[in-house]
C-alpha atoms as a PDB file:
ATOM      1  CA  MET A   1      24.090  -2.684  -8.151  1.00  0.00           C
ATOM      2  CA  ALA A   2      20.458  -3.544  -7.459  1.00  0.00           C
ATOM      3  CA  SER A   3      19.909  -7.005  -6.049  1.00  0.00           C
ATOM      4  CA  THR A   4      17.776  -9.226  -8.244  1.00  0.00           C
ATOM      5  CA  LEU A   5      16.633 -11.176  -5.191  1.00  0.00           C
ATOM      6  CA  VAL A   6      15.203  -8.021  -3.578  1.00  0.00           C
ATOM      7  CA  LEU A   7      13.494  -6.994  -6.819  1.00  0.00           C
ATOM      8  CA  VAL A   8      11.919 -10.442  -7.239  1.00  0.00           C
ATOM      9  CA  ALA A   9      10.809 -10.615  -3.593  1.00  0.00           C
ATOM     10  CA  VAL A  10       9.165  -7.177  -3.785  1.00  0.00           C
ATOM     11  CA  PHE A  11       7.527  -8.078  -7.109  1.00  0.00           C
ATOM     12  CA  VAL A  12       6.108 -11.331  -5.717  1.00  0.00           C
ATOM     13  CA  LEU A  13       4.761  -9.629  -2.570  1.00  0.00           C
ATOM     14  CA  ASP A  14       3.164  -6.868  -4.657  1.00  0.00           C
ATOM     15  CA  LEU A  15       1.727  -9.391  -7.122  1.00  0.00           C
ATOM     16  CA  ILE A  16       0.084 -11.414  -4.333  1.00  0.00           C
ATOM     17  CA  ALA A  17      -1.200  -8.202  -2.690  1.00  0.00           C
ATOM     18  CA  PHE A  18      -2.674  -7.137  -6.039  1.00  0.00           C
ATOM     19  CA  ALA A  19      -4.351 -10.522  -6.539  1.00  0.00           C
ATOM     20  CA  LEU A  20      -5.858 -10.388  -3.044  1.00  0.00           C
ATOM     21  CA  ALA A  21      -7.170  -6.852  -3.624  1.00  0.00           C
ATOM     22  CA  VAL A  22      -8.782  -7.885  -6.919  1.00  0.00           C
ATOM     23  CA  ALA A  23     -10.305 -10.938  -5.222  1.00  0.00           C
ATOM     24  CA  ALA A  24     -11.617  -8.701  -2.417  1.00  0.00           C
ATOM     25  CA  GLU A  25     -13.248  -6.440  -5.000  1.00  0.00           C
ATOM     26  CA  GLN A  26     -14.956  -9.443  -6.577  1.00  0.00           C
ATOM     27  CA  ARG A  27     -16.115 -10.863  -3.229  1.00  0.00           C
ATOM     28  CA  ARG A  28     -17.473  -7.710  -1.563  1.00  0.00           C
ATOM     29  CA  SER A  29     -20.360  -8.273   0.822  1.00  0.00           C
ATOM     30  CA  SER A  30     -23.863  -7.910  -0.521  1.00  0.00           C
ATOM     31  CA  ALA A  31     -27.095  -7.734   1.426  1.00  0.00           C
ATOM     32  CA  ARG A  32     -30.752  -8.524   1.005  1.00  0.00           C
ATOM     33  CA  ILE A  33     -33.790  -7.653   3.054  1.00  0.00           C
ATOM     34  CA  GLU A  34     -35.493 -10.514   4.903  1.00  0.00           C
ATOM     35  CA  THR A  35     -38.912 -10.351   6.464  1.00  0.00           C
ATOM     36  CA  SER A  36     -39.892 -12.096   9.669  1.00  0.00           C
ATOM     37  CA  ALA A  37     -43.297 -12.147  11.416  1.00  0.00           C
ATOM     38  CA  ASP A  38     -43.089  -8.561  12.689  1.00  0.00           C
ATOM     39  CA  SER A  39     -39.994  -6.907  11.196  1.00  0.00           C
ATOM     40  CA  LYS A  40     -37.625  -6.497   8.289  1.00  0.00           C
ATOM     41  CA  TYR A  41     -33.865  -6.882   8.604  1.00  0.00           C
ATOM     42  CA  CYS A  42     -30.708  -7.143   6.497  1.00  0.00           C
ATOM     43  CA  VAL A  43     -28.970 -10.432   5.781  1.00  0.00           C
ATOM     44  CA  TYR A  44     -25.379 -10.218   4.550  1.00  0.00           C
ATOM     45  CA  ASP A  45     -23.532 -12.881   2.611  1.00  0.00           C
ATOM     46  CA  SER A  46     -19.976 -14.034   3.298  1.00  0.00           C
ATOM     47  CA  ASP A  47     -17.429 -11.631   4.744  1.00  0.00           C
ATOM     48  CA  ILE A  48     -14.378 -13.034   2.946  1.00  0.00           C
ATOM     49  CA  ALA A  49     -13.509  -9.712   1.259  1.00  0.00           C
ATOM     50  CA  THR A  50     -12.528  -8.200   4.599  1.00  0.00           C
ATOM     51  CA  GLY A  51      -9.901 -10.890   5.162  1.00  0.00           C
ATOM     52  CA  LEU A  52      -8.653 -10.601   1.598  1.00  0.00           C
ATOM     53  CA  GLY A  53      -8.355  -6.812   1.950  1.00  0.00           C
ATOM     54  CA  VAL A  54      -6.438  -7.100   5.225  1.00  0.00           C
ATOM     55  CA  GLY A  55      -4.154  -9.737   3.714  1.00  0.00           C
ATOM     56  CA  SER A  56      -3.456  -7.472   0.755  1.00  0.00           C
ATOM     57  CA  LEU A  57      -2.772  -4.562   3.109  1.00  0.00           C
ATOM     58  CA  LEU A  58      -0.271  -6.604   5.148  1.00  0.00           C
ATOM     59  CA  LEU A  59       1.560  -7.962   2.093  1.00  0.00           C
ATOM     60  CA  LEU A  60       1.872  -4.476   0.607  1.00  0.00           C
ATOM     61  CA  MET A  61       3.209  -3.247   3.924  1.00  0.00           C
ATOM     62  CA  ALA A  62       5.744  -6.112   4.015  1.00  0.00           C
ATOM     63  CA  SER A  63       6.861  -5.206   0.506  1.00  0.00           C
ATOM     64  CA  GLN A  64       7.336  -1.561   1.467  1.00  0.00           C
ATOM     65  CA  VAL A  65       9.208  -2.461   4.663  1.00  0.00           C
ATOM     66  CA  LEU A  66      11.513  -4.771   2.696  1.00  0.00           C
ATOM     67  CA  ILE A  67      12.409  -2.190   0.058  1.00  0.00           C
ATOM     68  CA  MET A  68      12.906   0.548   2.655  1.00  0.00           C
ATOM     69  CA  ALA A  69      14.975  -1.681   4.966  1.00  0.00           C
ATOM     70  CA  VAL A  70      17.326  -2.590   2.135  1.00  0.00           C
ATOM     71  CA  ASN A  71      17.787   1.093   1.243  1.00  0.00           C
ATOM     72  CA  ARG A  72      17.751   2.333   4.827  1.00  0.00           C
ATOM     73  CA  CYS A  73      14.715   4.451   3.839  1.00  0.00           C
ATOM     74  CA  LEU A  74      16.889   6.959   1.949  1.00  0.00           C
ATOM     75  CA  CYS A  75      17.447   9.006   5.091  1.00  0.00           C
ATOM     76  CA  CYS A  76      19.907   6.782   6.958  1.00  0.00           C
ATOM     77  CA  GLY A  77      23.244   5.523   5.762  1.00  0.00           C
ATOM     78  CA  ARG A  78      25.765   7.026   3.372  1.00  0.00           C
ATOM     79  CA  ALA A  79      25.034  10.145   1.402  1.00  0.00           C
ATOM     80  CA  LEU A  80      24.243   9.599  -2.253  1.00  0.00           C
ATOM     81  CA  ARG A  81      26.506  10.957  -4.951  1.00  0.00           C
ATOM     82  CA  PRO A  82      25.141  14.059  -6.642  1.00  0.00           C
ATOM     83  CA  SER A  83      23.861  12.800  -9.981  1.00  0.00           C
ATOM     84  CA  ARG A  84      20.793  12.306 -12.097  1.00  0.00           C
ATOM     85  CA  SER A  85      20.279   8.903 -10.427  1.00  0.00           C
ATOM     86  CA  ARG A  86      20.053  10.577  -7.007  1.00  0.00           C
ATOM     87  CA  ALA A  87      17.408  13.009  -8.257  1.00  0.00           C
ATOM     88  CA  GLN A  88      15.426  10.169  -9.795  1.00  0.00           C
ATOM     89  CA  ALA A  89      15.762   8.063  -6.629  1.00  0.00           C
ATOM     90  CA  ILE A  90      14.409  10.927  -4.509  1.00  0.00           C
ATOM     91  CA  THR A  91      11.539  11.521  -6.946  1.00  0.00           C
ATOM     92  CA  PHE A  92      10.568   7.850  -7.033  1.00  0.00           C
ATOM     93  CA  PHE A  93      10.905   7.657  -3.239  1.00  0.00           C
ATOM     94  CA  ILE A  94       8.309  10.398  -2.802  1.00  0.00           C
ATOM     95  CA  ILE A  95       5.946   9.008  -5.460  1.00  0.00           C
ATOM     96  CA  CYS A  96       6.321   5.506  -4.005  1.00  0.00           C
ATOM     97  CA  TRP A  97       5.291   6.673  -0.539  1.00  0.00           C
ATOM     98  CA  VAL A  98       2.325   8.677  -1.828  1.00  0.00           C
ATOM     99  CA  ALA A  99       1.048   5.676  -3.823  1.00  0.00           C
ATOM    100  CA  PHE A 100       1.666   3.394  -0.826  1.00  0.00           C
ATOM    101  CA  VAL A 101      -0.345   5.606   1.537  1.00  0.00           C
ATOM    102  CA  ILE A 102      -3.244   5.845  -0.930  1.00  0.00           C
ATOM    103  CA  ALA A 103      -3.249   2.057  -1.469  1.00  0.00           C
ATOM    104  CA  GLU A 104      -3.172   1.362   2.272  1.00  0.00           C
ATOM    105  CA  VAL A 105      -6.003   3.836   2.930  1.00  0.00           C
ATOM    106  CA  CYS A 106      -8.157   2.253   0.201  1.00  0.00           C
ATOM    107  CA  LEU A 107      -7.515  -1.268   1.481  1.00  0.00           C
ATOM    108  CA  LEU A 108      -8.051  -0.360   5.129  1.00  0.00           C
ATOM    109  CA  ALA A 109     -11.201   1.669   4.470  1.00  0.00           C
ATOM    110  CA  GLY A 110     -12.561  -1.041   2.197  1.00  0.00           C
ATOM    111  CA  SER A 111     -11.897  -3.758   4.757  1.00  0.00           C
ATOM    112  CA  VAL A 112     -13.475  -1.800   7.597  1.00  0.00           C
ATOM    113  CA  ARG A 113     -16.501  -0.752   5.563  1.00  0.00           C
ATOM    114  CA  ASN A 114     -16.996  -4.250   4.165  1.00  0.00           C
ATOM    115  CA  ALA A 115     -16.997  -5.680   7.697  1.00  0.00           C
ATOM    116  CA  TYR A 116     -19.683  -3.231   8.843  1.00  0.00           C
ATOM    117  CA  HIS A 117     -23.152  -4.776   8.840  1.00  0.00           C
ATOM    118  CA  THR A 118     -26.270  -2.983  10.006  1.00  0.00           C
ATOM    119  CA  LYS A 119     -27.887  -4.774  12.929  1.00  0.00           C
ATOM    120  CA  TYR A 120     -31.204  -3.022  13.366  1.00  0.00           C
ATOM    121  CA  ARG A 121     -34.712  -4.205  12.480  1.00  0.00           C
ATOM    122  CA  THR A 122     -37.665  -2.149  11.356  1.00  0.00           C
ATOM    123  CA  LEU A 123     -41.334  -2.805  11.791  1.00  0.00           C
ATOM    124  CA  LEU A 124     -43.231  -4.052   8.768  1.00  0.00           C
ATOM    125  CA  SER A 125     -45.147  -0.777   8.506  1.00  0.00           C
ATOM    126  CA  ASP A 126     -41.947   1.301   8.325  1.00  0.00           C
ATOM    127  CA  ASN A 127     -39.671   1.763   5.344  1.00  0.00           C
ATOM    128  CA  PRO A 128     -37.276  -1.113   4.703  1.00  0.00           C
ATOM    129  CA  PRO A 129     -33.904  -0.926   6.488  1.00  0.00           C
ATOM    130  CA  SER A 130     -30.869   0.493   4.762  1.00  0.00           C
ATOM    131  CA  CYS A 131     -28.623  -2.465   4.008  1.00  0.00           C
ATOM    132  CA  GLU A 132     -25.420  -0.530   3.477  1.00  0.00           C
ATOM    133  CA  THR A 133     -22.533  -2.244   1.731  1.00  0.00           C
ATOM    134  CA  LEU A 134     -19.136  -1.218   0.409  1.00  0.00           C
ATOM    135  CA  ARG A 135     -19.194   0.818  -2.792  1.00  0.00           C
ATOM    136  CA  LYS A 136     -17.874  -0.837  -5.891  1.00  0.00           C
ATOM    137  CA  GLY A 137     -14.290   0.102  -6.751  1.00  0.00           C
ATOM    138  CA  VAL A 138     -12.710   0.732  -3.337  1.00  0.00           C
ATOM    139  CA  PHE A 139     -10.634  -2.451  -3.383  1.00  0.00           C
ATOM    140  CA  GLY A 140     -10.090  -1.893  -7.120  1.00  0.00           C
ATOM    141  CA  ALA A 141      -8.547   1.507  -6.426  1.00  0.00           C
ATOM    142  CA  GLY A 142      -6.360  -0.131  -3.792  1.00  0.00           C
ATOM    143  CA  ALA A 143      -5.273  -2.716  -6.368  1.00  0.00           C
ATOM    144  CA  ALA A 144      -4.380   0.007  -8.875  1.00  0.00           C
ATOM    145  CA  PHE A 145      -2.283   1.857  -6.323  1.00  0.00           C
ATOM    146  CA  ILE A 146      -0.579  -1.433  -5.362  1.00  0.00           C
ATOM    147  CA  VAL A 147       0.631  -1.606  -8.969  1.00  0.00           C
ATOM    148  CA  PHE A 148       1.862   2.004  -8.821  1.00  0.00           C
ATOM    149  CA  THR A 149       3.577   1.370  -5.480  1.00  0.00           C
ATOM    150  CA  GLY A 150       5.299  -1.728  -6.863  1.00  0.00           C
ATOM    151  CA  ILE A 151       6.548   0.040  -9.980  1.00  0.00           C
ATOM    152  CA  PHE A 152       7.796   3.141  -8.188  1.00  0.00           C
ATOM    153  CA  SER A 153       9.375   1.265  -5.271  1.00  0.00           C
ATOM    154  CA  GLU A 154      11.367  -0.917  -7.649  1.00  0.00           C
ATOM    155  CA  LEU A 155      12.414   2.103  -9.712  1.00  0.00           C
ATOM    156  CA  PHE A 156      13.429   3.839  -6.484  1.00  0.00           C
ATOM    157  CA  TYR A 157      15.537   0.822  -5.510  1.00  0.00           C
ATOM    158  CA  VAL A 158      17.272   0.650  -8.894  1.00  0.00           C
ATOM    159  CA  PHE A 159      18.107   4.363  -9.002  1.00  0.00           C
ATOM    160  CA  TYR A 160      19.123   4.379  -5.341  1.00  0.00           C
ATOM    161  CA  SER A 161      21.538   1.530  -6.087  1.00  0.00           C
ATOM    162  CA  LYS A 162      22.982   3.449  -9.035  1.00  0.00           C
ATOM    163  CA  ALA A 163      23.394   6.625  -6.983  1.00  0.00           C
ATOM    164  CA  SER A 164      25.033   4.857  -4.050  1.00  0.00           C
ATOM    165  CA  LYS A 165      27.551   3.012  -6.233  1.00  0.00           C
ATOM    166  CA  GLY A 166      30.984   4.348  -5.485  1.00  0.00           C
ATOM    167  CA  SER A 167      31.642   6.862  -2.786  1.00  0.00           C
ATOM    168  CA  LEU A 168      31.779  10.584  -2.423  1.00  0.00           C
ATOM    169  CA  PRO A 169      35.196  11.999  -3.277  1.00  0.00           C
ATOM    170  CA  GLN A 170      37.298  12.884  -0.231  1.00  0.00           C
ATOM    171  CA  SER A 171      38.645  16.385  -0.385  1.00  0.00           C
ATOM    172  CA  GLN A 172      42.189  17.093   0.693  1.00  0.00           C
ATOM    173  CA  ASP A 173      41.187  20.160   2.653  1.00  0.00           C
ATOM    174  CA  ALA A 174      38.766  19.003   5.343  1.00  0.00           C
ATOM    175  CA  GLY A 175      37.916  22.470   6.636  1.00  0.00           C
ATOM    176  CA  ILE A 176      39.297  25.713   8.041  1.00  0.00           C
ATOM    177  CA  ARG A 177      42.566  25.354   9.861  1.00  0.00           C
ATOM    178  CA  MET A 178      42.641  26.886  13.281  1.00  0.00           C
ATOM    179  CA  GLY A 179      46.347  26.545  14.001  1.00  0.00           C
ATOM    180  CA  SER A 180      49.301  28.727  13.081  1.00  0.00           C
ATOM    181  CA  VAL A 181      50.752  28.674   9.581  1.00  0.00           C
END
């Protein structure tokens, strides 16, 4: 049967990762153009969203490692009994990993892009510099896929536990006999 402790631990890790991703979306860097005596340059505000995004990424990764370690990542350990639960466990395993990869890519790309600040200056006669910042919604997409990852990883764990309950029946005839009759 599925362990309640594992389900709660994964839920808490995913919940904190989600909260950090939402906070990162709210605290993305913004920039403004400043003018000095002979040039224009970009000034960026706080860079806290990068740290929040990385924290969310690491907590989501810890959640995924925990759920996969408990289940031996579906590929190691005993074979699952042929049943509807096994089919559902395999389906949720695949969906869980796809959602996890998308969430991690969004969080990593958002963190890297948010940390990037243009460093060049332009002369006053030139066009103003391009103060590039992270597009709105990157950390939000990561947060949405954190929710999907959490749901599907817990469903995977529950159905994996159902499918692994009991053991495969042992047949009396283990194979082809090579000896004399």
